[in-house]
Amino acid sequence: MKKAEPPQKAGILIVDDHPMTRAGLIHLINHQPDTFVSGEAENAAEALKLLEANRPDLALIDITLPGKSGLELIKDVKAIHPDLPMLVISMHDESLYADRVLRAGARGYITKHEGGDKLMVAIRQVLSGKIYVSESMSAHILEIFSGGQPGTDRSSIQNLSDREFEVFQALGEGLSSHQIAKKLHLSAKTVDAHRANIKTKLKINTTAELISFAARWTTTQKE
């Protein structure tokens, strides 16, 4: 009688800049019967190198990374490895990020406060070829596609392009145009153009008002 082969485990690449978070994720994933951590990276450059070396079955990506953001990393990975499923794990408000990461090429979004059991459900769902978002976010996305409009304040921020959204976040963190240009690898003139577009889309008249609004928004995202 032929001996049954053990089930093959799925390799997960973890991309997160917090060592303690990575350690917790590694412990969780490595103690599952069907998954193991194939590599860990703290930034986008490391992640892209490991993708070539390790060929994981799924990339678990934090949206907030030093240098290039998780959102930009997702777009890069989608271009280089179009068939690799990606799941975003983040501390940020799902309703503002989930549709962005899905458009960029990720297959799911889960917030860090959901816990280990929910995370493993999300990982397995994305590995099986499905999309994972919370029930409330699923309803939100359906509302958008059916022509419904969420709240005005939230909707206006959603109207920002991904790059404008990154500039908006950086303004909320107190960065100057020069600092934002350096962080996002743009010219200061391009940053100023994005800032002008943001003011138009958010119906804000002055730069001071924009910075104040962005700072308040950033603070609420950290609570």
C-alpha atoms as a PDB file:
ATOM      1  CA  MET A   1       0.000   0.000   0.000  1.00  0.00           C
ATOM      2  CA  LYS A   2       1.436   3.356  -1.062  1.00  0.00           C
ATOM      3  CA  LYS A   3       2.169   5.707   1.800  1.00  0.00           C
ATOM      4  CA  ALA A   4       0.234   8.977   1.596  1.00  0.00           C
ATOM      5  CA  GLU A   5       2.431  12.022   1.073  1.00  0.00           C
ATOM      6  CA  PRO A   6       2.108  14.834   3.624  1.00  0.00           C
ATOM      7  CA  PRO A   7       0.192  17.859   2.343  1.00  0.00           C
ATOM      8  CA  GLN A   8       2.396  20.550   0.825  1.00  0.00           C
ATOM      9  CA  LYS A   9       2.592  23.725   2.889  1.00  0.00           C
ATOM     10  CA  ALA A  10       2.109  27.182   1.368  1.00  0.00           C
ATOM     11  CA  GLY A  11       5.077  29.534   1.712  1.00  0.00           C
ATOM     12  CA  ILE A  12       4.261  33.031   3.008  1.00  0.00           C
ATOM     13  CA  LEU A  13       6.513  36.079   2.563  1.00  0.00           C
ATOM     14  CA  ILE A  14       6.027  38.640   5.372  1.00  0.00           C
ATOM     15  CA  VAL A  15       6.702  42.316   4.556  1.00  0.00           C
ATOM     16  CA  ASP A  16       6.505  44.518   7.670  1.00  0.00           C
ATOM     17  CA  ASP A  17       8.954  47.026   9.152  1.00  0.00           C
ATOM     18  CA  HIS A  18       8.221  46.135  12.806  1.00  0.00           C
ATOM     19  CA  PRO A  19      10.403  43.243  14.088  1.00  0.00           C
ATOM     20  CA  MET A  20       7.959  42.346  16.881  1.00  0.00           C
ATOM     21  CA  THR A  21       5.049  42.203  14.444  1.00  0.00           C
ATOM     22  CA  ARG A  22       7.050  39.975  12.104  1.00  0.00           C
ATOM     23  CA  ALA A  23       8.007  37.691  14.995  1.00  0.00           C
ATOM     24  CA  GLY A  24       4.355  37.289  16.000  1.00  0.00           C
ATOM     25  CA  LEU A  25       3.291  36.559  12.425  1.00  0.00           C
ATOM     26  CA  ILE A  26       6.096  34.035  11.977  1.00  0.00           C
ATOM     27  CA  HIS A  27       5.074  32.212  15.157  1.00  0.00           C
ATOM     28  CA  LEU A  28       1.420  32.119  14.059  1.00  0.00           C
ATOM     29  CA  ILE A  29       2.018  31.018  10.462  1.00  0.00           C
ATOM     30  CA  ASN A  30       4.718  28.434  11.251  1.00  0.00           C
ATOM     31  CA  HIS A  31       2.430  26.726  13.771  1.00  0.00           C
ATOM     32  CA  GLN A  32      -0.256  26.011  11.151  1.00  0.00           C
ATOM     33  CA  PRO A  33      -0.522  22.610   9.422  1.00  0.00           C
ATOM     34  CA  ASP A  34      -0.694  24.138   5.942  1.00  0.00           C
ATOM     35  CA  THR A  35       1.564  27.239   5.973  1.00  0.00           C
ATOM     36  CA  PHE A  36       5.141  28.273   6.714  1.00  0.00           C
ATOM     37  CA  VAL A  37       7.107  31.533   6.480  1.00  0.00           C
ATOM     38  CA  SER A  38       9.407  31.414   3.460  1.00  0.00           C
ATOM     39  CA  GLY A  39      10.998  34.800   4.177  1.00  0.00           C
ATOM     40  CA  GLU A  40      10.652  38.157   5.909  1.00  0.00           C
ATOM     41  CA  ALA A  41      11.423  41.687   4.718  1.00  0.00           C
ATOM     42  CA  GLU A  42      11.249  45.089   6.376  1.00  0.00           C
ATOM     43  CA  ASN A  43      10.967  47.175   3.194  1.00  0.00           C
ATOM     44  CA  ALA A  44       9.983  46.976  -0.468  1.00  0.00           C
ATOM     45  CA  ALA A  45      13.518  46.501  -1.817  1.00  0.00           C
ATOM     46  CA  GLU A  46      14.132  43.493   0.436  1.00  0.00           C
ATOM     47  CA  ALA A  47      10.722  42.067  -0.467  1.00  0.00           C
ATOM     48  CA  LEU A  48      11.413  42.216  -4.219  1.00  0.00           C
ATOM     49  CA  LYS A  49      14.737  40.398  -3.755  1.00  0.00           C
ATOM     50  CA  LEU A  50      13.130  37.670  -1.639  1.00  0.00           C
ATOM     51  CA  LEU A  51      10.345  37.194  -4.172  1.00  0.00           C
ATOM     52  CA  GLU A  52      12.949  36.182  -6.741  1.00  0.00           C
ATOM     53  CA  ALA A  53      14.901  33.981  -4.322  1.00  0.00           C
ATOM     54  CA  ASN A  54      12.080  32.240  -2.436  1.00  0.00           C
ATOM     55  CA  ARG A  55       9.107  32.159  -4.816  1.00  0.00           C
ATOM     56  CA  PRO A  56       6.446  32.289  -2.053  1.00  0.00           C
ATOM     57  CA  ASP A  57       2.835  31.246  -2.571  1.00  0.00           C
ATOM     58  CA  LEU A  58       1.517  34.457  -0.970  1.00  0.00           C
ATOM     59  CA  ALA A  59       2.899  37.831   0.119  1.00  0.00           C
ATOM     60  CA  LEU A  60       1.562  39.343   3.359  1.00  0.00           C
ATOM     61  CA  ILE A  61       2.238  43.084   3.094  1.00  0.00           C
ATOM     62  CA  ASP A  62       1.912  45.994   5.522  1.00  0.00           C
ATOM     63  CA  ILE A  63       0.714  49.172   3.811  1.00  0.00           C
ATOM     64  CA  THR A  64       3.075  51.450   5.795  1.00  0.00           C
ATOM     65  CA  LEU A  65       6.702  50.730   4.896  1.00  0.00           C
ATOM     66  CA  PRO A  66       9.861  52.882   5.005  1.00  0.00           C
ATOM     67  CA  GLY A  67      10.764  54.363   1.628  1.00  0.00           C
ATOM     68  CA  LYS A  68       8.422  52.910  -0.971  1.00  0.00           C
ATOM     69  CA  SER A  69       4.903  52.350   0.414  1.00  0.00           C
ATOM     70  CA  GLY A  70       3.126  49.004   0.505  1.00  0.00           C
ATOM     71  CA  LEU A  71       0.732  50.327  -2.125  1.00  0.00           C
ATOM     72  CA  GLU A  72       3.586  50.986  -4.565  1.00  0.00           C
ATOM     73  CA  LEU A  73       5.135  47.598  -3.705  1.00  0.00           C
ATOM     74  CA  ILE A  74       1.854  45.874  -4.588  1.00  0.00           C
ATOM     75  CA  LYS A  75       1.881  47.541  -8.013  1.00  0.00           C
ATOM     76  CA  ASP A  76       5.512  46.482  -8.586  1.00  0.00           C
ATOM     77  CA  VAL A  77       4.824  42.882  -7.551  1.00  0.00           C
ATOM     78  CA  LYS A  78       1.711  42.777  -9.750  1.00  0.00           C
ATOM     79  CA  ALA A  79       3.804  43.875 -12.735  1.00  0.00           C
ATOM     80  CA  ILE A  80       6.639  41.390 -12.094  1.00  0.00           C
ATOM     81  CA  HIS A  81       4.691  38.446 -10.624  1.00  0.00           C
ATOM     82  CA  PRO A  82       1.094  38.920 -11.847  1.00  0.00           C
ATOM     83  CA  ASP A  83      -0.070  35.555 -10.496  1.00  0.00           C
ATOM     84  CA  LEU A  84       1.265  35.982  -6.940  1.00  0.00           C
ATOM     85  CA  PRO A  85      -1.610  36.556  -4.476  1.00  0.00           C
ATOM     86  CA  MET A  86      -1.068  39.422  -2.029  1.00  0.00           C
ATOM     87  CA  LEU A  87      -2.882  40.097   1.248  1.00  0.00           C
ATOM     88  CA  VAL A  88      -2.522  43.451   3.014  1.00  0.00           C
ATOM     89  CA  ILE A  89      -2.388  43.539   6.809  1.00  0.00           C
ATOM     90  CA  SER A  90      -2.553  47.032   8.264  1.00  0.00           C
ATOM     91  CA  MET A  91      -3.465  49.191  11.246  1.00  0.00           C
ATOM     92  CA  HIS A  92      -5.237  51.685   8.968  1.00  0.00           C
ATOM     93  CA  ASP A  93      -8.936  52.212   8.326  1.00  0.00           C
ATOM     94  CA  GLU A  94     -10.089  49.505   5.936  1.00  0.00           C
ATOM     95  CA  SER A  95     -12.714  51.679   4.277  1.00  0.00           C
ATOM     96  CA  LEU A  96     -10.054  54.103   3.026  1.00  0.00           C
ATOM     97  CA  TYR A  97      -7.416  51.576   1.958  1.00  0.00           C
ATOM     98  CA  ALA A  98      -9.111  48.326   0.934  1.00  0.00           C
ATOM     99  CA  ASP A  99     -10.438  49.488  -2.424  1.00  0.00           C
ATOM    100  CA  ARG A 100      -7.058  51.103  -3.203  1.00  0.00           C
ATOM    101  CA  VAL A 101      -5.061  47.942  -2.536  1.00  0.00           C
ATOM    102  CA  LEU A 102      -7.576  45.818  -4.460  1.00  0.00           C
ATOM    103  CA  ARG A 103      -7.270  48.154  -7.446  1.00  0.00           C
ATOM    104  CA  ALA A 104      -3.476  48.013  -7.158  1.00  0.00           C
ATOM    105  CA  GLY A 105      -3.533  44.208  -7.400  1.00  0.00           C
ATOM    106  CA  ALA A 106      -3.828  42.773  -3.886  1.00  0.00           C
ATOM    107  CA  ARG A 107      -6.415  40.061  -3.220  1.00  0.00           C
ATOM    108  CA  GLY A 108      -7.450  41.064   0.284  1.00  0.00           C
ATOM    109  CA  TYR A 109      -7.210  43.439   3.237  1.00  0.00           C
ATOM    110  CA  ILE A 110      -7.316  42.735   6.962  1.00  0.00           C
ATOM    111  CA  THR A 111      -6.652  45.034   9.914  1.00  0.00           C
ATOM    112  CA  LYS A 112      -4.098  44.061  12.562  1.00  0.00           C
ATOM    113  CA  HIS A 113      -6.620  44.142  15.405  1.00  0.00           C
ATOM    114  CA  GLU A 114      -8.589  41.227  13.903  1.00  0.00           C
ATOM    115  CA  GLY A 115      -6.390  38.575  15.548  1.00  0.00           C
ATOM    116  CA  GLY A 116      -4.659  35.381  14.472  1.00  0.00           C
ATOM    117  CA  ASP A 117      -7.688  33.205  13.700  1.00  0.00           C
ATOM    118  CA  LYS A 118      -9.195  35.791  11.336  1.00  0.00           C
ATOM    119  CA  LEU A 119      -5.805  36.349   9.691  1.00  0.00           C
ATOM    120  CA  MET A 120      -5.436  32.646   8.909  1.00  0.00           C
ATOM    121  CA  VAL A 121      -8.964  32.630   7.451  1.00  0.00           C
ATOM    122  CA  ALA A 122      -7.947  35.555   5.225  1.00  0.00           C
ATOM    123  CA  ILE A 123      -4.670  33.882   4.177  1.00  0.00           C
ATOM    124  CA  ARG A 124      -6.392  30.613   3.255  1.00  0.00           C
ATOM    125  CA  GLN A 125      -9.163  32.423   1.402  1.00  0.00           C
ATOM    126  CA  VAL A 126      -6.682  34.403  -0.704  1.00  0.00           C
ATOM    127  CA  LEU A 127      -4.563  31.274  -1.318  1.00  0.00           C
ATOM    128  CA  SER A 128      -7.695  29.546  -2.628  1.00  0.00           C
ATOM    129  CA  GLY A 129      -8.104  32.255  -5.270  1.00  0.00           C
ATOM    130  CA  LYS A 130     -10.787  34.317  -3.547  1.00  0.00           C
ATOM    131  CA  ILE A 131     -10.817  37.933  -2.335  1.00  0.00           C
ATOM    132  CA  TYR A 132     -10.898  38.673   1.400  1.00  0.00           C
ATOM    133  CA  VAL A 133     -12.342  41.800   2.997  1.00  0.00           C
ATOM    134  CA  SER A 134     -14.557  42.218   6.051  1.00  0.00           C
ATOM    135  CA  GLU A 135     -18.326  41.922   5.672  1.00  0.00           C
ATOM    136  CA  SER A 136     -18.784  45.667   6.207  1.00  0.00           C
ATOM    137  CA  MET A 137     -16.138  46.459   3.575  1.00  0.00           C
ATOM    138  CA  SER A 138     -17.718  44.031   1.130  1.00  0.00           C
ATOM    139  CA  ALA A 139     -20.999  45.926   1.495  1.00  0.00           C
ATOM    140  CA  HIS A 140     -19.134  49.233   1.092  1.00  0.00           C
ATOM    141  CA  ILE A 141     -17.508  48.090  -2.177  1.00  0.00           C
ATOM    142  CA  LEU A 142     -20.849  46.861  -3.502  1.00  0.00           C
ATOM    143  CA  GLU A 143     -22.353  50.259  -2.654  1.00  0.00           C
ATOM    144  CA  ILE A 144     -19.648  52.017  -4.681  1.00  0.00           C
ATOM    145  CA  PHE A 145     -20.131  49.759  -7.712  1.00  0.00           C
ATOM    146  CA  SER A 146     -23.898  50.133  -7.550  1.00  0.00           C
ATOM    147  CA  GLY A 147     -23.580  53.915  -7.649  1.00  0.00           C
ATOM    148  CA  GLY A 148     -24.101  54.642  -3.956  1.00  0.00           C
ATOM    149  CA  GLN A 149     -22.033  57.304  -2.229  1.00  0.00           C
ATOM    150  CA  PRO A 150     -20.457  56.980   1.206  1.00  0.00           C
ATOM    151  CA  GLY A 151     -20.100  59.925   3.589  1.00  0.00           C
ATOM    152  CA  THR A 152     -18.901  63.181   2.008  1.00  0.00           C
ATOM    153  CA  ASP A 153     -15.667  63.528   3.979  1.00  0.00           C
ATOM    154  CA  ARG A 154     -14.585  59.941   3.428  1.00  0.00           C
ATOM    155  CA  SER A 155     -15.714  59.988  -0.202  1.00  0.00           C
ATOM    156  CA  SER A 156     -13.675  63.102  -0.977  1.00  0.00           C
ATOM    157  CA  ILE A 157     -10.494  61.477   0.324  1.00  0.00           C
ATOM    158  CA  GLN A 158     -11.260  58.375  -1.718  1.00  0.00           C
ATOM    159  CA  ASN A 159     -11.339  60.576  -4.822  1.00  0.00           C
ATOM    160  CA  LEU A 160      -7.624  61.269  -4.429  1.00  0.00           C
ATOM    161  CA  SER A 161      -5.308  59.294  -6.686  1.00  0.00           C
ATOM    162  CA  ASP A 162      -2.910  56.898  -4.954  1.00  0.00           C
ATOM    163  CA  ARG A 163      -0.034  59.374  -5.321  1.00  0.00           C
ATOM    164  CA  GLU A 164      -2.168  62.286  -4.090  1.00  0.00           C
ATOM    165  CA  PHE A 165      -3.200  60.132  -1.140  1.00  0.00           C
ATOM    166  CA  GLU A 166       0.468  59.511  -0.271  1.00  0.00           C
ATOM    167  CA  VAL A 167       1.186  63.260  -0.422  1.00  0.00           C
ATOM    168  CA  PHE A 168      -1.882  63.923   1.742  1.00  0.00           C
ATOM    169  CA  GLN A 169      -0.650  61.422   4.346  1.00  0.00           C
ATOM    170  CA  ALA A 170       2.829  62.952   4.345  1.00  0.00           C
ATOM    171  CA  LEU A 171       1.354  66.427   4.858  1.00  0.00           C
ATOM    172  CA  GLY A 172      -0.542  65.025   7.836  1.00  0.00           C
ATOM    173  CA  GLU A 173       2.737  63.743   9.252  1.00  0.00           C
ATOM    174  CA  GLY A 174       4.100  67.292   9.168  1.00  0.00           C
ATOM    175  CA  LEU A 175       6.511  66.871   6.251  1.00  0.00           C
ATOM    176  CA  SER A 176       7.463  69.826   4.044  1.00  0.00           C
ATOM    177  CA  SER A 177       7.254  69.720   0.231  1.00  0.00           C
ATOM    178  CA  HIS A 178      11.004  69.092   0.066  1.00  0.00           C
ATOM    179  CA  GLN A 179      10.778  66.230   2.578  1.00  0.00           C
ATOM    180  CA  ILE A 180       7.792  64.713   0.757  1.00  0.00           C
ATOM    181  CA  ALA A 181       9.660  64.954  -2.559  1.00  0.00           C
ATOM    182  CA  LYS A 182      12.616  63.083  -1.059  1.00  0.00           C
ATOM    183  CA  LYS A 183      10.411  60.437   0.580  1.00  0.00           C
ATOM    184  CA  LEU A 184       8.352  59.735  -2.551  1.00  0.00           C
ATOM    185  CA  HIS A 185      11.225  60.235  -5.043  1.00  0.00           C
ATOM    186  CA  LEU A 186       9.486  63.148  -6.748  1.00  0.00           C
ATOM    187  CA  SER A 187      10.466  66.718  -7.591  1.00  0.00           C
ATOM    188  CA  ALA A 188       9.280  69.497  -5.258  1.00  0.00           C
ATOM    189  CA  LYS A 189       7.373  70.985  -8.223  1.00  0.00           C
ATOM    190  CA  THR A 190       5.476  67.699  -8.690  1.00  0.00           C
ATOM    191  CA  VAL A 191       4.618  67.606  -4.983  1.00  0.00           C
ATOM    192  CA  ASP A 192       3.278  71.165  -5.217  1.00  0.00           C
ATOM    193  CA  ALA A 193       1.142  70.159  -8.213  1.00  0.00           C
ATOM    194  CA  HIS A 194      -0.273  67.191  -6.288  1.00  0.00           C
ATOM    195  CA  ARG A 195      -0.967  69.465  -3.329  1.00  0.00           C
ATOM    196  CA  ALA A 196      -2.906  71.877  -5.550  1.00  0.00           C
ATOM    197  CA  ASN A 197      -4.966  68.988  -6.956  1.00  0.00           C
ATOM    198  CA  ILE A 198      -5.676  67.722  -3.440  1.00  0.00           C
ATOM    199  CA  LYS A 199      -6.976  71.137  -2.366  1.00  0.00           C
ATOM    200  CA  THR A 200      -9.290  71.200  -5.374  1.00  0.00           C
ATOM    201  CA  LYS A 201     -10.642  67.695  -4.781  1.00  0.00           C
ATOM    202  CA  LEU A 202     -11.140  68.264  -1.042  1.00  0.00           C
ATOM    203  CA  LYS A 203     -12.603  71.758  -1.654  1.00  0.00           C
ATOM    204  CA  ILE A 204      -9.973  73.375   0.601  1.00  0.00           C
ATOM    205  CA  ASN A 205      -8.811  76.923  -0.189  1.00  0.00           C
ATOM    206  CA  THR A 206      -5.446  77.346   1.531  1.00  0.00           C
ATOM    207  CA  THR A 207      -2.384  75.202   2.182  1.00  0.00           C
ATOM    208  CA  ALA A 208      -2.638  75.934   5.910  1.00  0.00           C
ATOM    209  CA  GLU A 209      -6.199  74.540   5.975  1.00  0.00           C
ATOM    210  CA  LEU A 210      -5.062  71.475   4.029  1.00  0.00           C
ATOM    211  CA  ILE A 211      -2.189  70.763   6.433  1.00  0.00           C
ATOM    212  CA  SER A 212      -4.498  71.175   9.415  1.00  0.00           C
ATOM    213  CA  PHE A 213      -7.105  68.837   7.893  1.00  0.00           C
ATOM    214  CA  ALA A 214      -4.453  66.260   6.937  1.00  0.00           C
ATOM    215  CA  ALA A 215      -2.957  66.375  10.448  1.00  0.00           C
ATOM    216  CA  ARG A 216      -6.367  65.794  12.061  1.00  0.00           C
ATOM    217  CA  TRP A 217      -7.086  62.917   9.669  1.00  0.00           C
ATOM    218  CA  THR A 218      -3.687  61.325  10.345  1.00  0.00           C
ATOM    219  CA  THR A 219      -4.274  61.553  14.107  1.00  0.00           C
ATOM    220  CA  THR A 220      -7.641  59.762  13.835  1.00  0.00           C
ATOM    221  CA  GLN A 221      -6.006  56.934  11.856  1.00  0.00           C
ATOM    222  CA  LYS A 222      -3.569  56.292  14.724  1.00  0.00           C
ATOM    223  CA  GLU A 223      -6.226  56.115  17.441  1.00  0.00           C
END
